[in-house]
Protein backbone atom coordinates (compact mmCIF):
# COMPACT_ATOMS: atom_id res chain seq x y z
CA MET A 1 16.07 13.21 -26.60
CA GLY A 2 14.50 10.66 -24.29
CA THR A 3 16.13 12.24 -21.25
CA GLU A 4 13.87 15.26 -21.60
CA ILE A 5 11.04 13.28 -20.00
CA PHE A 6 13.25 12.85 -16.95
CA SER A 7 14.49 16.43 -16.89
CA PRO A 8 13.40 18.57 -13.92
CA VAL A 9 11.08 21.53 -14.28
CA THR A 10 10.33 24.40 -11.91
CA LEU A 11 6.77 25.44 -11.15
CA PRO A 12 6.38 29.17 -11.82
CA CYS A 13 4.50 30.41 -8.73
CA SER A 14 5.55 28.15 -5.88
CA GLY A 15 9.10 27.75 -7.18
CA ARG A 16 8.97 24.04 -6.39
CA THR A 17 10.90 21.65 -8.63
CA ILE A 18 9.43 18.49 -10.15
CA ALA A 19 12.12 15.85 -10.68
CA ASN A 20 10.67 14.75 -14.03
CA ARG A 21 7.73 15.44 -16.34
CA LEU A 22 5.66 12.38 -15.31
CA ALA A 23 2.54 12.96 -13.22
CA LYS A 24 0.22 10.33 -11.82
CA VAL A 25 -3.00 12.31 -12.20
CA ALA A 26 -6.09 12.21 -10.00
CA LEU A 27 -8.20 9.06 -10.07
CA TYR A 28 -11.25 8.30 -7.94
CA GLU A 29 -10.22 5.40 -5.70
CA HIS A 30 -13.58 4.22 -4.23
CA LEU A 31 -11.72 3.13 -1.09
CA ALA A 32 -13.06 5.35 1.71
CA LYS A 33 -15.78 4.18 4.08
CA TRP A 34 -19.38 4.28 2.86
CA HIS A 35 -20.69 7.88 2.66
CA GLY A 36 -17.16 9.21 2.73
CA GLY A 37 -14.35 9.68 5.20
CA PRO A 38 -10.61 10.28 5.61
CA PRO A 39 -7.84 8.27 3.94
CA ASN A 40 -7.57 4.76 5.39
CA LYS A 41 -5.25 1.74 5.23
CA TYR A 42 -6.32 0.99 1.65
CA HIS A 43 -5.32 4.49 0.48
CA LEU A 44 -1.98 4.25 2.29
CA SER A 45 -1.28 0.86 0.73
CA LEU A 46 -2.27 1.96 -2.79
CA TYR A 47 -0.30 5.20 -2.74
CA SER A 48 2.75 3.52 -1.24
CA GLU A 49 2.96 1.46 -4.45
CA TRP A 50 2.85 4.54 -6.69
CA ALA A 51 5.28 6.44 -4.46
CA LYS A 52 8.11 3.94 -4.92
CA HIS A 53 8.28 4.25 -8.73
CA ASP A 54 9.75 7.75 -9.29
CA TRP A 55 6.73 9.72 -10.44
CA GLY A 56 7.55 13.43 -10.50
CA MET A 57 4.16 14.38 -9.09
CA ILE A 58 1.27 12.34 -7.67
CA VAL A 59 -2.22 13.84 -7.43
CA THR A 60 -4.72 12.12 -5.15
CA GLY A 61 -8.29 11.26 -6.11
CA ASN A 62 -10.85 14.01 -5.65
CA ALA A 63 -11.25 14.89 -1.97
CA GLN A 64 -14.73 16.32 -1.47
CA VAL A 65 -14.99 19.60 0.44
CA PHE A 66 -18.65 18.89 1.37
CA ARG A 67 -19.65 15.60 3.01
CA ASP A 68 -23.16 15.74 1.53
CA HIS A 69 -22.05 16.18 -2.10
CA LEU A 70 -20.18 12.96 -2.87
CA THR A 71 -19.81 11.26 -6.25
CA LEU A 72 -19.94 7.48 -5.85
CA GLY A 73 -20.29 7.04 -2.11
CA ARG A 74 -16.71 6.20 -1.05
CA ASP A 75 -15.01 9.58 -1.52
CA ILE A 76 -12.28 11.05 0.65
CA VAL A 77 -13.89 13.93 2.58
CA ILE A 78 -12.19 17.05 3.96
CA PRO A 79 -12.92 17.34 7.71
CA GLU A 80 -15.15 20.18 8.86
CA VAL A 81 -12.94 20.81 11.90
CA LEU A 82 -9.15 20.66 11.71
CA ASN A 83 -7.36 19.22 14.73
CA GLU A 84 -4.76 16.55 15.46
CA GLU A 85 -7.32 13.77 15.30
CA THR A 86 -8.94 14.78 11.99
CA LEU A 87 -5.60 15.63 10.35
CA ALA A 88 -3.87 12.39 11.37
CA PRO A 89 -5.12 10.22 8.44
CA PHE A 90 -4.17 12.92 5.93
CA LYS A 91 -0.71 13.26 7.51
CA LYS A 92 -0.20 9.52 7.15
CA LEU A 93 -1.05 9.71 3.44
CA ALA A 94 1.34 12.62 2.82
CA GLN A 95 4.09 10.82 4.76
CA THR A 96 3.46 7.63 2.76
CA LEU A 97 3.92 9.50 -0.51
CA HIS A 98 7.08 11.30 0.57
CA ALA A 99 8.60 8.22 2.21
CA GLY A 100 8.54 6.34 -1.08
CA SER A 101 10.37 9.04 -3.05
CA SER A 102 13.89 8.21 -4.17
CA HIS A 103 14.83 11.91 -4.19
CA ASP A 104 15.62 14.25 -1.32
CA PRO A 105 14.23 17.78 -1.14
CA PRO A 106 14.05 19.91 -3.20
CA MET A 107 13.66 17.19 -5.88
CA ARG A 108 11.38 15.02 -3.76
CA LEU A 109 8.12 13.69 -5.20
CA LEU A 110 5.42 16.37 -5.11
CA ALA A 111 2.30 15.16 -3.29
CA VAL A 112 -0.77 17.10 -4.42
CA MET A 113 -4.33 16.71 -3.14
CA GLN A 114 -7.20 17.29 -5.57
CA LEU A 115 -10.15 19.24 -4.12
CA SER A 116 -13.65 18.90 -5.54
CA HIS A 117 -17.37 19.48 -5.02
CA ALA A 118 -19.77 17.40 -7.12
CA GLY A 119 -22.55 20.00 -7.34
CA ARG A 120 -25.51 18.80 -9.40
CA GLN A 121 -23.63 15.59 -10.30
CA SER A 122 -23.93 14.31 -6.73
CA PRO A 123 -26.45 11.46 -7.17
CA ASN A 124 -29.34 10.36 -5.01
CA ILE A 125 -28.69 8.05 -2.02
CA ILE A 126 -24.94 7.52 -2.56
CA GLY A 127 -24.29 11.29 -2.70
CA GLY A 128 -24.46 11.62 1.09
CA ARG A 129 -27.78 13.48 1.46
CA LYS A 130 -31.05 12.37 2.98
CA LEU A 131 -33.63 11.04 0.55
CA GLY A 132 -35.37 13.89 -1.24
CA VAL A 133 -32.76 16.54 -0.40
CA PRO A 134 -31.52 18.10 -3.68
CA PRO A 135 -27.88 18.92 -4.39
CA MET A 136 -26.63 22.48 -4.81
CA ALA A 137 -25.64 23.92 -8.17
CA PRO A 138 -25.06 27.33 -9.76
CA SER A 139 -28.53 27.07 -11.33
CA SER A 140 -31.48 24.73 -11.10
CA VAL A 141 -30.51 22.83 -14.27
CA ARG A 142 -30.79 19.07 -13.98
CA VAL A 143 -28.21 16.58 -15.26
CA GLY A 144 -29.58 15.05 -18.46
CA SER A 145 -31.72 18.03 -19.40
CA HIS A 146 -29.82 18.57 -22.66
CA LYS A 147 -31.64 17.83 -25.91
CA ARG A 148 -29.79 14.61 -26.75
CA ALA A 149 -30.77 12.92 -23.47
CA GLN A 150 -34.37 14.14 -23.67
CA ALA A 151 -34.70 12.68 -27.15
CA GLN A 152 -33.92 9.18 -25.80
CA ASP A 153 -36.45 7.75 -23.35
CA ILE A 154 -34.22 5.34 -21.41
CA PRO A 155 -31.25 7.72 -20.85
CA HIS A 156 -33.72 10.47 -19.91
CA LEU A 157 -35.44 8.24 -17.32
CA PHE A 158 -32.04 7.07 -16.04
CA PHE A 159 -30.84 10.63 -15.42
CA ARG A 160 -34.12 11.56 -13.72
CA ALA A 161 -33.87 8.56 -11.40
CA LEU A 162 -30.22 9.13 -10.51
CA PHE A 163 -30.02 12.92 -10.28
CA GLN A 164 -32.45 15.35 -8.67
CA GLN A 165 -33.33 18.83 -9.83
CA PRO A 166 -30.61 20.84 -8.07
CA ARG A 167 -31.24 23.81 -5.82
CA GLU A 168 -29.78 27.09 -7.07
CA MET A 169 -27.07 28.29 -4.72
CA THR A 170 -27.56 31.48 -2.75
CA LEU A 171 -24.70 33.94 -2.27
CA ASP A 172 -24.27 32.53 1.25
CA ASP A 173 -23.99 29.02 -0.24
CA ILE A 174 -21.29 30.25 -2.59
CA LYS A 175 -19.29 31.78 0.25
CA ARG A 176 -19.59 28.55 2.28
CA VAL A 177 -18.30 26.49 -0.65
CA GLN A 178 -15.41 28.88 -1.22
CA GLN A 179 -14.43 28.63 2.44
CA ALA A 180 -14.66 24.83 2.21
CA PHE A 181 -12.14 24.79 -0.66
CA ILE A 182 -9.83 27.07 1.33
CA ARG A 183 -10.20 24.73 4.32
CA GLY A 184 -9.29 21.86 1.98
CA ALA A 185 -6.06 23.63 1.03
CA LEU A 186 -5.32 24.29 4.70
CA THR A 187 -5.93 20.59 5.42
CA ALA A 188 -3.40 19.65 2.73
CA LEU A 189 -0.87 22.17 4.03
CA GLU A 190 -1.09 21.11 7.68
CA ALA A 191 -1.03 17.43 6.69
CA GLY A 192 2.26 17.87 4.83
CA PHE A 193 1.10 17.81 1.21
CA ASP A 194 3.00 19.99 -1.24
CA GLY A 195 -0.09 21.51 -2.80
CA VAL A 196 -3.63 21.15 -4.11
CA GLN A 197 -5.39 20.99 -7.45
CA LEU A 198 -8.86 22.53 -7.95
CA HIS A 199 -11.13 20.20 -9.93
CA CYS A 200 -12.77 22.53 -12.47
CA ALA A 201 -13.53 19.76 -14.97
CA HIS A 202 -15.77 16.75 -15.64
CA GLY A 203 -18.95 18.69 -14.92
CA TYR A 204 -18.38 19.08 -11.17
CA LEU A 205 -19.37 22.24 -9.31
CA LEU A 206 -16.56 24.60 -10.34
CA ALA A 207 -16.94 23.45 -13.96
CA GLN A 208 -20.69 24.05 -13.66
CA PHE A 209 -20.01 27.71 -12.85
CA LEU A 210 -17.95 28.04 -16.06
CA ASN A 211 -20.42 26.33 -18.36
CA PRO A 212 -23.45 28.06 -19.96
CA LYS A 213 -25.19 24.66 -20.07
CA SER A 214 -25.35 24.56 -16.28
CA ASN A 215 -25.03 28.20 -15.21
CA VAL A 216 -27.87 30.52 -16.22
CA ARG A 217 -27.43 32.95 -13.32
CA ARG A 218 -27.82 36.67 -13.89
CA ASP A 219 -25.81 37.93 -10.92
CA GLU A 220 -22.10 38.40 -10.26
CA TYR A 221 -21.50 34.64 -10.61
CA SER A 222 -22.94 34.32 -14.11
CA VAL A 223 -20.98 33.08 -17.13
CA GLU A 224 -21.04 36.54 -18.66
CA SER A 225 -17.83 38.56 -18.72
CA PRO A 226 -16.32 39.73 -16.40
CA ASN A 227 -18.02 37.28 -14.01
CA THR A 228 -17.16 33.99 -15.75
CA LEU A 229 -14.23 32.99 -13.55
CA ARG A 230 -15.22 34.87 -10.40
CA MET A 231 -16.03 31.69 -8.42
CA VAL A 232 -12.67 30.07 -9.21
CA ARG A 233 -10.67 33.29 -8.83
CA GLU A 234 -12.03 34.01 -5.37
CA ILE A 235 -11.11 30.48 -4.26
CA VAL A 236 -7.60 30.82 -5.73
CA GLU A 237 -7.13 34.20 -4.05
CA GLY A 238 -8.40 32.80 -0.75
CA ILE A 239 -5.99 29.87 -0.92
CA ARG A 240 -3.00 32.04 -1.86
CA ALA A 241 -3.83 34.36 1.07
CA THR A 242 -3.84 31.38 3.45
CA VAL A 243 -0.86 29.25 2.39
CA PRO A 244 2.87 30.04 2.08
CA ARG A 245 4.31 31.03 -1.28
CA ASP A 246 5.96 27.65 -1.92
CA PHE A 247 2.62 25.81 -1.75
CA VAL A 248 1.71 24.33 -5.16
CA LEU A 249 -1.65 25.30 -6.70
CA GLY A 250 -3.01 23.70 -9.88
CA VAL A 251 -6.28 23.80 -11.79
CA LYS A 252 -7.93 21.06 -13.85
CA ILE A 253 -10.11 22.53 -16.59
CA ASN A 254 -12.34 21.17 -19.35
CA SER A 255 -11.46 21.57 -22.99
CA ALA A 256 -14.65 20.22 -24.52
CA ASP A 257 -17.73 20.47 -22.29
CA TYR A 258 -19.62 21.92 -25.20
CA VAL A 259 -19.31 18.80 -27.39
CA GLU A 260 -22.42 16.65 -27.01
CA SER A 261 -21.91 12.93 -26.42
CA GLY A 262 -20.83 11.30 -29.67
CA GLU A 263 -20.31 14.59 -31.49
CA ARG A 264 -16.99 15.17 -33.17
CA PRO A 265 -15.34 18.50 -32.41
CA SER A 266 -15.67 20.49 -35.61
CA GLY A 267 -17.57 23.44 -36.99
CA GLU A 268 -18.01 27.09 -36.17
CA SER A 269 -19.65 26.50 -32.77
CA VAL A 270 -16.73 24.40 -31.60
CA LEU A 271 -14.21 26.99 -32.76
CA LYS A 272 -16.14 29.59 -30.81
CA GLU A 273 -16.24 27.48 -27.67
CA THR A 274 -12.58 26.52 -28.05
CA GLN A 275 -11.72 30.20 -28.02
CA ARG A 276 -13.92 30.66 -24.95
CA VAL A 277 -11.97 28.06 -22.97
CA LEU A 278 -8.63 29.36 -24.25
CA ASP A 279 -9.68 32.77 -22.96
CA HIS A 280 -10.35 31.13 -19.59
CA ILE A 281 -6.86 29.64 -19.55
CA ARG A 282 -5.26 32.94 -20.53
CA THR A 283 -7.21 34.75 -17.81
CA ILE A 284 -6.18 32.19 -15.18
CA ALA A 285 -2.56 32.60 -16.31
CA LEU A 286 -2.78 36.38 -15.94
CA TRP A 287 -3.68 35.97 -12.28
CA GLY A 288 -0.09 34.83 -11.72
CA MET A 289 -1.21 32.51 -8.90
CA VAL A 290 -1.51 29.07 -10.56
CA ASP A 291 1.42 26.67 -11.09
CA PHE A 292 -0.10 24.31 -13.64
CA ILE A 293 -3.28 23.79 -15.66
CA GLU A 294 -4.37 20.26 -16.51
CA ILE A 295 -6.35 19.82 -19.74
CA SER A 296 -9.28 17.39 -19.57
CA GLY A 297 -12.86 17.20 -20.80
CA GLY A 298 -16.31 15.67 -20.55
CA ASP A 299 -19.02 15.47 -17.89
CA TYR A 300 -21.69 12.98 -16.79
CA GLU A 301 -23.81 13.85 -19.83
CA SER A 302 -20.86 13.31 -22.20
CA PRO A 303 -18.54 11.08 -20.14
CA ASP A 304 -15.57 10.74 -22.50
CA PHE A 305 -13.23 11.29 -19.53
CA MET A 306 -14.36 7.82 -18.36
CA SER A 307 -13.68 6.16 -21.71
CA THR A 308 -11.23 3.24 -21.87
CA LYS A 309 -10.96 3.34 -25.65
CA ALA A 310 -7.47 3.79 -27.04
CA THR A 311 -8.72 6.64 -29.23
CA SER A 312 -11.92 8.41 -28.26
CA PRO A 313 -13.47 11.02 -30.62
CA ARG A 314 -12.04 13.74 -28.41
CA GLN A 315 -8.57 12.41 -27.67
CA ALA A 316 -6.83 14.01 -30.65
CA PHE A 317 -8.80 17.16 -29.91
CA PHE A 318 -7.49 17.27 -26.32
CA SER A 319 -3.92 17.07 -27.59
CA GLN A 320 -4.51 19.81 -30.16
CA PHE A 321 -6.27 21.92 -27.55
CA ALA A 322 -3.36 21.53 -25.14
CA GLN A 323 -1.02 22.73 -27.88
CA LYS A 324 -3.22 25.78 -28.50
CA ALA A 325 -3.35 26.47 -24.76
CA ARG A 326 0.43 26.33 -24.53
CA GLU A 327 0.78 28.58 -27.56
CA CYS A 328 -1.62 31.15 -26.13
CA LEU A 329 0.47 31.20 -22.94
CA LYS A 330 3.56 32.06 -25.02
CA GLU A 331 1.94 35.31 -26.11
CA ASP A 332 3.08 38.59 -24.59
CA PHE A 333 2.46 38.61 -20.85
CA PRO A 334 3.51 41.24 -18.33
CA ALA A 335 7.03 40.53 -17.06
CA ASP A 336 5.82 39.99 -13.50
CA VAL A 337 3.28 37.26 -14.45
CA ASN A 338 4.19 33.66 -13.63
CA VAL A 339 2.79 31.68 -16.57
CA PRO A 340 1.47 28.22 -15.54
CA LEU A 341 2.70 24.97 -17.05
CA ILE A 342 0.35 22.79 -19.14
CA LEU A 343 -0.31 19.23 -17.97
CA LEU A 344 -1.69 16.98 -20.74
CA THR A 345 -3.58 13.86 -19.66
CA GLY A 346 -4.97 10.97 -21.67
CA GLY A 347 -3.85 8.73 -24.50
CA LEU A 348 -0.16 8.70 -23.50
CA ARG A 349 0.35 4.96 -23.76
CA SER A 350 3.91 4.59 -25.08
CA PRO A 351 7.32 6.30 -24.84
CA SER A 352 6.84 7.86 -28.29
CA HIS A 353 3.52 9.38 -27.17
CA LEU A 354 5.19 10.94 -24.14
CA GLN A 355 8.24 12.27 -25.95
CA GLY A 356 6.14 13.33 -28.92
CA ALA A 357 3.89 15.46 -26.71
CA LEU A 358 6.93 17.30 -25.37
CA ASP A 359 8.65 17.64 -28.74
CA ALA A 360 5.49 18.95 -30.42
CA GLY A 361 4.98 21.53 -27.70
CA HIS A 362 1.66 20.05 -26.60
CA ALA A 363 2.59 20.05 -22.92
CA ASP A 364 5.12 20.77 -20.19
CA LEU A 365 3.98 17.92 -17.94
CA LEU A 366 2.71 14.46 -18.91
CA GLY A 367 -0.26 13.04 -17.04
CA ILE A 368 -0.95 9.30 -16.88
CA GLY A 369 -4.13 8.07 -15.22
CA ARG A 370 -5.51 4.68 -16.20
CA GLY A 371 -2.09 3.44 -17.30
CA SER A 372 -0.70 4.15 -13.85
CA ILE A 373 -3.33 1.83 -12.36
CA ALA A 374 -2.62 -1.05 -14.72
CA TYR A 375 1.14 -0.47 -14.42
CA PRO A 376 2.11 1.62 -11.35
CA ASP A 377 5.81 1.31 -12.28
CA ILE A 378 5.59 3.13 -15.64
CA PRO A 379 8.42 5.58 -14.75
CA ALA A 380 10.73 2.65 -13.99
CA LEU A 381 9.65 0.87 -17.19
CA LEU A 382 10.33 4.05 -19.14
CA GLN A 383 13.78 4.46 -17.60
CA GLU A 384 14.64 0.88 -18.56
CA ARG A 385 13.51 1.41 -22.15
CA ASN A 386 15.43 4.67 -22.30
CA LEU A 387 18.64 2.90 -21.26
CA ASN A 388 18.04 0.07 -23.73
CA ALA A 389 17.41 2.56 -26.54
CA ALA A 390 20.57 4.50 -25.71
CA ALA A 391 22.60 1.27 -25.66
CA GLY A 392 21.26 0.43 -29.10
CA GLY A 393 21.99 3.87 -30.49
CA THR A 394 18.30 4.82 -30.83
CA SER A 395 15.84 6.98 -28.92
CA ILE A 396 12.63 6.26 -27.04
CA ALA A 397 11.04 8.88 -29.29
CA SER A 398 10.67 6.07 -31.85
CA ASP A 399 9.47 3.47 -29.31
CA ASP A 400 5.74 3.18 -29.98
CA GLU A 401 5.22 -0.09 -28.12
CA PRO A 402 2.61 0.43 -25.35
CA PHE A 403 3.73 0.03 -21.76
CA GLY A 404 1.39 -2.92 -21.52
CA ARG A 405 -2.04 -4.21 -22.34
CA GLU A 406 -5.11 -2.32 -21.10
CA PRO A 407 -8.70 -3.61 -20.92
CA ASP A 408 -10.03 -1.20 -23.55
CA GLY A 409 -12.42 -3.00 -25.89
CA ASP A 410 -12.79 -6.03 -23.62
CA LEU A 411 -14.99 -4.06 -21.23
CA ARG A 412 -18.53 -3.84 -22.45
CA LEU A 413 -21.96 -4.62 -21.12
CA PRO A 414 -24.21 -7.26 -22.73
CA SER A 415 -26.22 -6.09 -25.73
CA TRP A 416 -29.48 -6.40 -23.78
CA VAL A 417 -28.39 -3.65 -21.35
CA PRO A 418 -29.81 -0.21 -22.37
CA GLN A 419 -27.16 1.88 -24.12
CA ILE A 420 -26.64 4.78 -21.69
CA PRO A 421 -23.28 6.58 -22.13
CA LEU A 422 -22.75 7.11 -18.40
CA VAL A 423 -23.41 3.44 -17.62
CA GLY A 424 -21.22 2.21 -20.46
CA ALA A 425 -18.37 4.49 -19.42
CA GLY A 426 -18.87 3.42 -15.81
CA VAL A 427 -17.82 -0.14 -16.71
CA GLY A 428 -14.30 1.12 -17.40
CA VAL A 429 -14.29 3.09 -14.16
CA ALA A 430 -15.35 -0.08 -12.32
CA TRP A 431 -12.49 -2.16 -13.78
CA TYR A 432 -9.90 0.39 -12.69
CA ASN A 433 -11.49 0.81 -9.26
CA VAL A 434 -11.31 -2.95 -8.74
CA ARG A 435 -7.70 -2.90 -9.93
CA MET A 436 -6.81 -0.18 -7.40
CA ARG A 437 -8.42 -2.16 -4.60
CA THR A 438 -6.49 -5.26 -5.72
CA ILE A 439 -3.22 -3.31 -5.53
CA ALA A 440 -4.15 -1.92 -2.11
CA THR A 441 -5.06 -5.28 -0.59
CA SER A 442 -1.99 -6.97 -2.10
CA GLN A 443 0.31 -4.45 -0.43
CA LEU A 444 -1.41 -4.98 2.93
CA LYS A 445 -0.32 -8.61 2.86
CA LYS A 446 3.24 -9.34 3.95
CA ARG A 447 5.75 -11.98 2.92
CA VAL A 448 7.69 -14.01 5.47
CA ASP A 449 10.43 -11.35 5.44
CA GLY A 450 7.87 -8.66 6.27
CA LYS A 451 7.91 -6.99 2.86
CA PRO A 452 4.72 -6.49 0.79
CA LEU A 453 3.80 -9.12 -1.78
CA PRO A 454 4.34 -8.28 -5.47
CA VAL A 455 1.49 -6.44 -7.17
CA PRO A 456 -0.69 -9.00 -9.01
CA PRO A 457 -0.97 -8.63 -12.80
CA PRO A 458 -4.09 -6.89 -14.18
CA GLU A 459 -7.18 -9.12 -14.51
CA PHE A 460 -7.91 -8.63 -18.20
CA GLN A 461 -10.28 -11.59 -18.18
CA MET A 462 -12.68 -9.64 -15.94
CA SER A 463 -15.99 -8.98 -17.72
CA GLY A 464 -17.87 -5.70 -17.61
CA ILE A 465 -20.60 -7.15 -15.40
CA ASP A 466 -18.03 -8.69 -13.05
CA ALA A 467 -16.21 -5.36 -12.79
CA MET A 468 -19.42 -3.53 -11.88
CA VAL A 469 -20.38 -6.11 -9.23
CA ARG A 470 -16.89 -6.22 -7.69
CA MET A 471 -16.67 -2.43 -7.54
CA TRP A 472 -19.86 -2.08 -5.55
CA VAL A 473 -19.87 -5.34 -3.58
CA TRP A 474 -16.60 -5.76 -1.69
CA VAL A 475 -15.34 -9.27 -0.87
CA GLU A 476 -16.50 -9.22 2.72
CA TRP A 477 -19.92 -7.99 1.60
CA ARG A 478 -20.14 -10.73 -1.01
CA ARG A 479 -19.35 -13.33 1.63
CA MET A 480 -22.00 -11.88 3.93
CA PHE A 481 -24.50 -11.78 1.07
CA LEU A 482 -23.78 -15.37 0.03
CA GLY A 483 -23.93 -16.48 3.65
CA ALA A 484 -27.27 -14.77 4.19
CA LEU A 485 -28.56 -16.18 0.91
CA SER A 486 -27.47 -19.67 1.96
CA VAL A 487 -29.25 -19.33 5.31
CA CYS A 488 -32.42 -18.06 3.63
CA CYS A 489 -32.37 -20.92 1.12
CA SER A 490 -31.83 -23.45 3.92
CA ILE A 491 -34.72 -22.05 5.95
CA SER A 492 -36.95 -21.99 2.88
CA LEU A 493 -36.04 -25.60 2.10
CA ILE A 494 -36.79 -26.70 5.68
CA VAL A 495 -40.15 -24.90 5.64
CA LEU A 496 -40.99 -26.47 2.28
CA LEU A 497 -40.10 -29.95 3.57
CA MET A 498 -42.20 -29.39 6.69
CA LEU A 499 -45.15 -28.36 4.56
CA LEU A 500 -44.73 -31.41 2.34
CA VAL A 501 -44.46 -33.72 5.35
CA GLY A 502 -47.48 -32.07 6.92
CA ARG A 503 -49.54 -32.91 3.87
């Protein structure tokens, strides 16, 4: 039974084969230069570590298609002009991923680049725009304008300070964004990646077009049928018209945008919205152009996708939703339609979780995000446990021991810090960003024999405050800051002594 996790599967549209069901899903790295740029030595070092551990598919962190709509300031950015110079860093990343694979084509590791546009969730200053320039969005609906945030003074003020009122996109803006996504796919293709994933989740631009909370347009890009998926469909069609047939195309979609922060998914409204998203998935499947659909959820107003808790209020819901999505894709489809596979992400922390998701029909592919940062070698660990279980006459389906410890409940801000969901969730993001940078820098260092040093163990003793500081203030910056502070203190002390002597 345990071998099913390591059984190959063929993607329905591209015809590409994934060597096993394990996918390292997209994670924001925070490693590019300030205000965004191409992959650099830190990305190459980090992804070389993942590549050597037999993941079936690796999806990069979200590469932004617009330089002036970043998320947290250090995003990978798709170049505006494609030439040998601008493509070179992306080629190096694709080569790094493929070089680490233990399989030869056609079973080689699939390297997929995630494409994204932050839309209204691109913050002030670090979002890449000049001060006072608003971000673009489907409608002029500000982040934090929902009733729950407005009812709480501090979160409301926080959202107003961090996010501007967005500018509603014109039809020309929409066409420019669509072309930027197509250019992103062309970048991936020419760089040697196997495919791309469109980020239609977590409240970013494409998700904003699908969500009635953020899209109140009344034109052909409204949320009303038959316009609901027009933005995404036109991008998918544009990509498929540009790339060869064997190029992989995936979509990441939200399952629970409609659940307010802290609300448990139940009741008539949730059933209605669940059906709405299932209809989206069925419609995307009917296009016959998408290889896989990843199930996720949350946005900056309800940031459960950032949660480090072992069981968030939505986690069981995601799993159930993925099962419903897979069931709806088993319904009668035209014979010529290539039905996409379902990729389930989140909460898969042990062999029994992984095998259970497959056995229960919740998913075709198994996505691991945070766990892959703490333990990049999870596929190797799983193979070892599978062999041990077989030797003992058992199955990994009954192995519920986690792959390893995760920070989870240890990461929290002091009680005196205002309780803002986005800030609290950001502590977990910070810990994992610091962990990724630790892996990257460790692999840049060489032993005497020229091989990289072993990856250091996770720093579980790191506090929430420490994680936040270390994410934003890199080592060299901290040294510069401390040096400047030391100089300032010395000068101040000298001036004070001179004043005292002068008296």
